[in-house]
Every structure is written in structure tokens, then in C-alpha cells.
Amino acid sequence: MRDLSVFRPVLAGEAAAIPLPDSSVDAVWISTVIHHVPDLAAAAAELRRVLRPGAVVLIRSAFAGRPEGITQFRYFTEAVRVLDTYPSVADIEQAFTGFRTVKLSKVPQHTASSLQEIVATLRREAHTPLQLITDEEYAAGLERLRTAAETATGPVIDHLDLLVMRTDPAGSHPPAAG
């Protein structure tokens, strides 16, 4: 993904080892990847280290227990059990000590011009929940989607969660690990 980025420079790193100096970042945008972070507390500590006092973290995701408003889960109902293995909002808030929640809201996203477009362009490998259901469950969901696409009209608008958190404005950082 770094090779495809239009932004330069792109640094190699990971959530628990961000290659940036202390207090050097104004904001962090984490979009649809929080479920891939193996140690949320370590990631939060590292974010506190690199963020300036009072900075924000914006986490856009589908969270455990919150499938509403996401088209994928309407048709691939079996994938909800995968979603429920993702961190919940409460899990994030617990792991992100030194942050306070500012807001949690559903944010609309134009996903496709129609369900027909989704059927034509759906790539299972691009969606973690669809990768982790059985082939039979995927086939059943795809059939439900195709059936709905026969009569559905209009754009597909999904509503992912946006969790906004802010660091302590006093600027306290945890002690360095080591």
C-alpha cells in the first residue's frame, strides 16, 4: 500500500512503533483498520507519544455490536459474527487511556450508485468479514444481494462509525517502554 500512496514521504511503521518524534502530530486518521491492530493499548500509548497535547484521533470503522447502516451486513448476515470479533467502542475507550471520547456518530458514505454496481464490483478479498465466512455463507449472501439488486434503485449509502477521541490537553505522556 505504501508503494501506491500518492503522499510522500511514506514511512514504514506499525501501530506500536510509529517512526515519528514525540509530540509531532496534530491529528491521526485511522480508517477501517483498527480491527487489525493486535495490541490496542500499545497502539494507544504510541499515539499518545507522537500526538501533541489536545490532538485528536479519528477512528472510522465498523465496531463490534454495531452492524446497522452497513449494506454488507444486510445481505451477508453471517458476517456479523466476524464483526462481533472486532473491537467494540468500549474496547477502544478502555485501551485508549489518556484519551477522552469527544463524539461517536454514524457518518454517511456514498458506497455505490446502486446495488447492481456492488454486485458487479464486489471483491471478497477486499472485505475482511467476507473473507472470514464460509464459501457457502458467502454464496448465500451474494444470492441475497443479487436478488435485492434486481429491484432496488438509487444509490447505496452506508453509515460507518466515527469515534473521535482527544488526548489530554495537559500533554502528559506515559513513561517510555523499555
C-alpha atoms as a PDB file:
ATOM      1  CA  MET A   1       0.000   0.000   0.000  1.00  0.00           C
ATOM      2  CA  ARG A   2       2.899   2.354   0.677  1.00  0.00           C
ATOM      3  CA  ASP A   3       4.018   1.927  -2.941  1.00  0.00           C
ATOM      4  CA  LEU A   4       0.578   3.002  -4.177  1.00  0.00           C
ATOM      5  CA  SER A   5       0.271   6.070  -1.960  1.00  0.00           C
ATOM      6  CA  VAL A   6       0.226   9.459  -3.653  1.00  0.00           C
ATOM      7  CA  PHE A   7       1.535  11.036  -0.453  1.00  0.00           C
ATOM      8  CA  ARG A   8       5.286  11.291   0.126  1.00  0.00           C
ATOM      9  CA  PRO A   9       7.189  10.509   2.146  1.00  0.00           C
ATOM     10  CA  VAL A  10       5.542   7.326   3.371  1.00  0.00           C
ATOM     11  CA  LEU A  11       7.243   5.756   6.362  1.00  0.00           C
ATOM     12  CA  ALA A  12       7.243   2.098   7.305  1.00  0.00           C
ATOM     13  CA  GLY A  13       5.962   1.540  10.804  1.00  0.00           C
ATOM     14  CA  GLU A  14       3.352  -0.158  12.882  1.00  0.00           C
ATOM     15  CA  ALA A  15       0.791   0.924  15.428  1.00  0.00           C
ATOM     16  CA  ALA A  16       3.048   0.153  18.394  1.00  0.00           C
ATOM     17  CA  ALA A  17       6.187   1.666  16.821  1.00  0.00           C
ATOM     18  CA  ILE A  18       5.441   4.878  14.919  1.00  0.00           C
ATOM     19  CA  PRO A  19       8.623   6.320  13.354  1.00  0.00           C
ATOM     20  CA  LEU A  20       7.916   9.924  14.395  1.00  0.00           C
ATOM     21  CA  PRO A  21       9.232  12.169  17.157  1.00  0.00           C
ATOM     22  CA  ASP A  22       7.380  12.811  20.416  1.00  0.00           C
ATOM     23  CA  SER A  23       4.577  15.417  20.244  1.00  0.00           C
ATOM     24  CA  SER A  24       4.982  15.900  16.492  1.00  0.00           C
ATOM     25  CA  VAL A  25       1.496  15.093  15.186  1.00  0.00           C
ATOM     26  CA  ASP A  26      -1.655  17.230  15.209  1.00  0.00           C
ATOM     27  CA  ALA A  27      -4.182  14.503  14.372  1.00  0.00           C
ATOM     28  CA  VAL A  28      -4.441  10.821  13.450  1.00  0.00           C
ATOM     29  CA  TRP A  29      -6.916   9.299  10.989  1.00  0.00           C
ATOM     30  CA  ILE A  30      -7.469   5.543  11.396  1.00  0.00           C
ATOM     31  CA  SER A  31      -9.861   4.264   8.770  1.00  0.00           C
ATOM     32  CA  THR A  32     -11.269   0.719   8.673  1.00  0.00           C
ATOM     33  CA  VAL A  33      -8.133  -0.916  10.076  1.00  0.00           C
ATOM     34  CA  ILE A  34      -8.467  -0.787  13.872  1.00  0.00           C
ATOM     35  CA  HIS A  35      -9.542  -4.442  13.883  1.00  0.00           C
ATOM     36  CA  HIS A  36      -6.101  -5.365  12.501  1.00  0.00           C
ATOM     37  CA  VAL A  37      -4.204  -3.762  15.414  1.00  0.00           C
ATOM     38  CA  PRO A  38      -3.013  -6.629  17.645  1.00  0.00           C
ATOM     39  CA  ASP A  39      -2.402  -4.587  20.808  1.00  0.00           C
ATOM     40  CA  LEU A  40      -4.744  -1.622  21.170  1.00  0.00           C
ATOM     41  CA  ALA A  41      -3.189  -0.437  24.444  1.00  0.00           C
ATOM     42  CA  ALA A  42       0.318  -0.387  22.931  1.00  0.00           C
ATOM     43  CA  ALA A  43      -1.000   1.468  19.874  1.00  0.00           C
ATOM     44  CA  ALA A  44      -2.763   3.997  22.111  1.00  0.00           C
ATOM     45  CA  ALA A  45       0.403   4.575  24.144  1.00  0.00           C
ATOM     46  CA  GLU A  46       2.370   5.149  20.953  1.00  0.00           C
ATOM     47  CA  LEU A  47      -0.264   7.543  19.638  1.00  0.00           C
ATOM     48  CA  ARG A  48      -0.132   9.483  22.924  1.00  0.00           C
ATOM     49  CA  ARG A  49       3.622   9.720  22.475  1.00  0.00           C
ATOM     50  CA  VAL A  50       3.539  11.178  18.955  1.00  0.00           C
ATOM     51  CA  LEU A  51       0.456  13.381  19.346  1.00  0.00           C
ATOM     52  CA  ARG A  52       0.636  16.947  20.578  1.00  0.00           C
ATOM     53  CA  PRO A  53      -1.359  17.822  23.711  1.00  0.00           C
ATOM     54  CA  GLY A  54      -5.056  18.168  22.891  1.00  0.00           C
ATOM     55  CA  ALA A  55      -4.695  16.439  19.498  1.00  0.00           C
ATOM     56  CA  VAL A  56      -7.458  14.268  18.085  1.00  0.00           C
ATOM     57  CA  VAL A  57      -7.676  10.685  16.900  1.00  0.00           C
ATOM     58  CA  LEU A  58     -10.421   9.924  14.392  1.00  0.00           C
ATOM     59  CA  ILE A  59     -11.279   6.229  14.173  1.00  0.00           C
ATOM     60  CA  ARG A  60     -13.598   5.345  11.282  1.00  0.00           C
ATOM     61  CA  SER A  61     -14.713   1.764  11.497  1.00  0.00           C
ATOM     62  CA  ALA A  62     -17.364  -0.839  11.883  1.00  0.00           C
ATOM     63  CA  PHE A  63     -17.309  -1.749  15.570  1.00  0.00           C
ATOM     64  CA  ALA A  64     -18.484  -4.925  17.277  1.00  0.00           C
ATOM     65  CA  GLY A  65     -22.180  -4.835  18.032  1.00  0.00           C
ATOM     66  CA  ARG A  66     -22.892  -2.021  15.550  1.00  0.00           C
ATOM     67  CA  PRO A  67     -23.710  -3.509  12.096  1.00  0.00           C
ATOM     68  CA  GLU A  68     -26.630  -1.150  11.485  1.00  0.00           C
ATOM     69  CA  GLY A  69     -26.379   1.028   8.429  1.00  0.00           C
ATOM     70  CA  ILE A  70     -23.733  -1.076   6.672  1.00  0.00           C
ATOM     71  CA  THR A  71     -25.035  -2.685   3.482  1.00  0.00           C
ATOM     72  CA  GLN A  72     -22.587  -5.590   3.591  1.00  0.00           C
ATOM     73  CA  PHE A  73     -24.143  -6.885   6.818  1.00  0.00           C
ATOM     74  CA  ARG A  74     -27.689  -6.588   5.491  1.00  0.00           C
ATOM     75  CA  TYR A  75     -27.012  -9.206   2.802  1.00  0.00           C
ATOM     76  CA  PHE A  76     -24.096 -11.114   4.307  1.00  0.00           C
ATOM     77  CA  THR A  77     -25.762 -11.595   7.683  1.00  0.00           C
ATOM     78  CA  GLU A  78     -23.324 -14.360   8.627  1.00  0.00           C
ATOM     79  CA  ALA A  79     -20.513 -11.792   8.524  1.00  0.00           C
ATOM     80  CA  VAL A  80     -21.955 -10.065  11.601  1.00  0.00           C
ATOM     81  CA  ARG A  81     -20.341 -12.784  13.726  1.00  0.00           C
ATOM     82  CA  VAL A  82     -16.968 -11.682  12.280  1.00  0.00           C
ATOM     83  CA  LEU A  83     -17.775  -8.054  13.020  1.00  0.00           C
ATOM     84  CA  ASP A  84     -18.506  -9.053  16.597  1.00  0.00           C
ATOM     85  CA  THR A  85     -14.869 -10.169  16.963  1.00  0.00           C
ATOM     86  CA  TYR A  86     -13.737  -6.611  16.140  1.00  0.00           C
ATOM     87  CA  PRO A  87     -13.033  -4.177  18.953  1.00  0.00           C
ATOM     88  CA  SER A  88     -16.144  -2.503  20.348  1.00  0.00           C
ATOM     89  CA  VAL A  89     -16.315   1.188  21.113  1.00  0.00           C
ATOM     90  CA  ALA A  90     -15.949   0.249  24.791  1.00  0.00           C
ATOM     91  CA  ASP A  91     -12.827  -1.822  23.967  1.00  0.00           C
ATOM     92  CA  ILE A  92     -11.267   1.180  22.231  1.00  0.00           C
ATOM     93  CA  GLU A  93     -12.166   3.538  25.066  1.00  0.00           C
ATOM     94  CA  GLN A  94     -10.699   1.125  27.630  1.00  0.00           C
ATOM     95  CA  ALA A  95      -7.455   0.650  25.678  1.00  0.00           C
ATOM     96  CA  PHE A  96      -7.031   4.326  24.876  1.00  0.00           C
ATOM     97  CA  THR A  97      -6.124   5.541  28.347  1.00  0.00           C
ATOM     98  CA  GLY A  98      -5.073   9.170  28.303  1.00  0.00           C
ATOM     99  CA  PHE A  99      -7.738   9.920  25.684  1.00  0.00           C
ATOM    100  CA  ARG A 100     -11.303  11.040  26.160  1.00  0.00           C
ATOM    101  CA  THR A 101     -14.165  10.355  23.784  1.00  0.00           C
ATOM    102  CA  VAL A 102     -15.418  13.526  22.176  1.00  0.00           C
ATOM    103  CA  LYS A 103     -18.044  12.051  19.884  1.00  0.00           C
ATOM    104  CA  LEU A 104     -19.354   8.871  18.326  1.00  0.00           C
ATOM    105  CA  SER A 105     -21.522   9.262  15.265  1.00  0.00           C
ATOM    106  CA  LYS A 106     -22.614   7.437  12.151  1.00  0.00           C
ATOM    107  CA  VAL A 107     -21.162   9.131   9.085  1.00  0.00           C
ATOM    108  CA  PRO A 108     -22.792   8.634   5.686  1.00  0.00           C
ATOM    109  CA  GLN A 109     -20.649   7.367   2.848  1.00  0.00           C
ATOM    110  CA  HIS A 110     -21.672   7.030  -0.793  1.00  0.00           C
ATOM    111  CA  THR A 111     -20.657   3.413  -1.389  1.00  0.00           C
ATOM    112  CA  ALA A 112     -22.065   2.813  -4.872  1.00  0.00           C
ATOM    113  CA  SER A 113     -24.536   4.217  -7.346  1.00  0.00           C
ATOM    114  CA  SER A 114     -26.685   1.093  -6.939  1.00  0.00           C
ATOM    115  CA  LEU A 115     -26.810  -2.428  -5.582  1.00  0.00           C
ATOM    116  CA  GLN A 116     -26.234  -3.563  -9.157  1.00  0.00           C
ATOM    117  CA  GLU A 117     -22.874  -1.765  -9.084  1.00  0.00           C
ATOM    118  CA  ILE A 118     -21.966  -3.540  -5.845  1.00  0.00           C
ATOM    119  CA  VAL A 119     -22.825  -6.919  -7.388  1.00  0.00           C
ATOM    120  CA  ALA A 120     -20.674  -6.115 -10.429  1.00  0.00           C
ATOM    121  CA  THR A 121     -17.652  -4.871  -8.485  1.00  0.00           C
ATOM    122  CA  LEU A 122     -17.709  -6.850  -5.216  1.00  0.00           C
ATOM    123  CA  ARG A 123     -14.311  -8.318  -4.338  1.00  0.00           C
ATOM    124  CA  ARG A 124     -14.494 -10.713  -1.420  1.00  0.00           C
ATOM    125  CA  GLU A 125     -10.783 -10.346  -0.704  1.00  0.00           C
ATOM    126  CA  ALA A 126     -11.259  -6.617  -0.062  1.00  0.00           C
ATOM    127  CA  HIS A 127     -13.593  -7.186   2.903  1.00  0.00           C
ATOM    128  CA  THR A 128     -12.249  -8.933   5.992  1.00  0.00           C
ATOM    129  CA  PRO A 129     -15.703 -10.065   7.214  1.00  0.00           C
ATOM    130  CA  LEU A 130     -16.438 -11.655   3.827  1.00  0.00           C
ATOM    131  CA  GLN A 131     -13.079 -13.434   3.807  1.00  0.00           C
ATOM    132  CA  LEU A 132     -13.797 -14.990   7.188  1.00  0.00           C
ATOM    133  CA  ILE A 133     -17.183 -16.549   6.471  1.00  0.00           C
ATOM    134  CA  THR A 134     -17.529 -19.915   4.759  1.00  0.00           C
ATOM    135  CA  ASP A 135     -17.836 -20.255   0.993  1.00  0.00           C
ATOM    136  CA  GLU A 136     -21.423 -21.419   1.475  1.00  0.00           C
ATOM    137  CA  GLU A 137     -22.266 -18.392   3.624  1.00  0.00           C
ATOM    138  CA  TYR A 138     -20.651 -16.089   1.089  1.00  0.00           C
ATOM    139  CA  ALA A 139     -22.647 -17.698  -1.750  1.00  0.00           C
ATOM    140  CA  ALA A 140     -25.892 -17.293   0.221  1.00  0.00           C
ATOM    141  CA  GLY A 141     -25.151 -13.629   0.916  1.00  0.00           C
ATOM    142  CA  LEU A 142     -24.240 -12.997  -2.700  1.00  0.00           C
ATOM    143  CA  GLU A 143     -27.538 -14.552  -3.778  1.00  0.00           C
ATOM    144  CA  ARG A 144     -29.449 -12.308  -1.350  1.00  0.00           C
ATOM    145  CA  LEU A 145     -27.575  -9.300  -2.716  1.00  0.00           C
ATOM    146  CA  ARG A 146     -28.249 -10.268  -6.347  1.00  0.00           C
ATOM    147  CA  THR A 147     -31.953 -10.800  -5.632  1.00  0.00           C
ATOM    148  CA  ALA A 148     -32.221  -7.392  -3.935  1.00  0.00           C
ATOM    149  CA  ALA A 149     -30.305  -5.727  -6.785  1.00  0.00           C
ATOM    150  CA  GLU A 150     -32.953  -6.862  -9.270  1.00  0.00           C
ATOM    151  CA  THR A 151     -35.486  -4.406  -7.878  1.00  0.00           C
ATOM    152  CA  ALA A 152     -33.512  -1.883  -5.810  1.00  0.00           C
ATOM    153  CA  THR A 153     -32.987   1.595  -7.167  1.00  0.00           C
ATOM    154  CA  GLY A 154     -30.895   4.517  -6.107  1.00  0.00           C
ATOM    155  CA  PRO A 155     -27.509   4.951  -4.506  1.00  0.00           C
ATOM    156  CA  VAL A 156     -26.123   2.845  -1.694  1.00  0.00           C
ATOM    157  CA  ILE A 157     -25.295   4.987   1.322  1.00  0.00           C
ATOM    158  CA  ASP A 158     -23.520   3.249   4.178  1.00  0.00           C
ATOM    159  CA  HIS A 159     -23.060   4.681   7.665  1.00  0.00           C
ATOM    160  CA  LEU A 160     -19.769   3.770   9.329  1.00  0.00           C
ATOM    161  CA  ASP A 161     -18.997   4.881  12.857  1.00  0.00           C
ATOM    162  CA  LEU A 162     -16.641   7.746  13.518  1.00  0.00           C
ATOM    163  CA  LEU A 163     -15.167   7.723  17.011  1.00  0.00           C
ATOM    164  CA  VAL A 164     -13.438  10.999  17.868  1.00  0.00           C
ATOM    165  CA  MET A 165     -11.042  10.966  20.799  1.00  0.00           C
ATOM    166  CA  ARG A 166      -8.772  13.672  22.167  1.00  0.00           C
ATOM    167  CA  THR A 167      -5.529  13.480  24.096  1.00  0.00           C
ATOM    168  CA  ASP A 168      -5.128  15.121  27.464  1.00  0.00           C
ATOM    169  CA  PRO A 169      -4.568  18.839  26.785  1.00  0.00           C
ATOM    170  CA  ALA A 170      -2.055  18.943  29.649  1.00  0.00           C
ATOM    171  CA  GLY A 171       0.283  16.912  27.497  1.00  0.00           C
ATOM    172  CA  SER A 172       1.120  14.111  29.879  1.00  0.00           C
ATOM    173  CA  HIS A 173       2.798  11.193  28.146  1.00  0.00           C
ATOM    174  CA  PRO A 174       3.236   7.700  29.539  1.00  0.00           C
ATOM    175  CA  PRO A 175       6.721   6.652  30.538  1.00  0.00           C
ATOM    176  CA  ALA A 176       8.785   5.244  27.702  1.00  0.00           C
ATOM    177  CA  ALA A 177       8.592   1.487  27.353  1.00  0.00           C
ATOM    178  CA  GLY A 178      11.717  -0.436  27.659  1.00  0.00           C
END
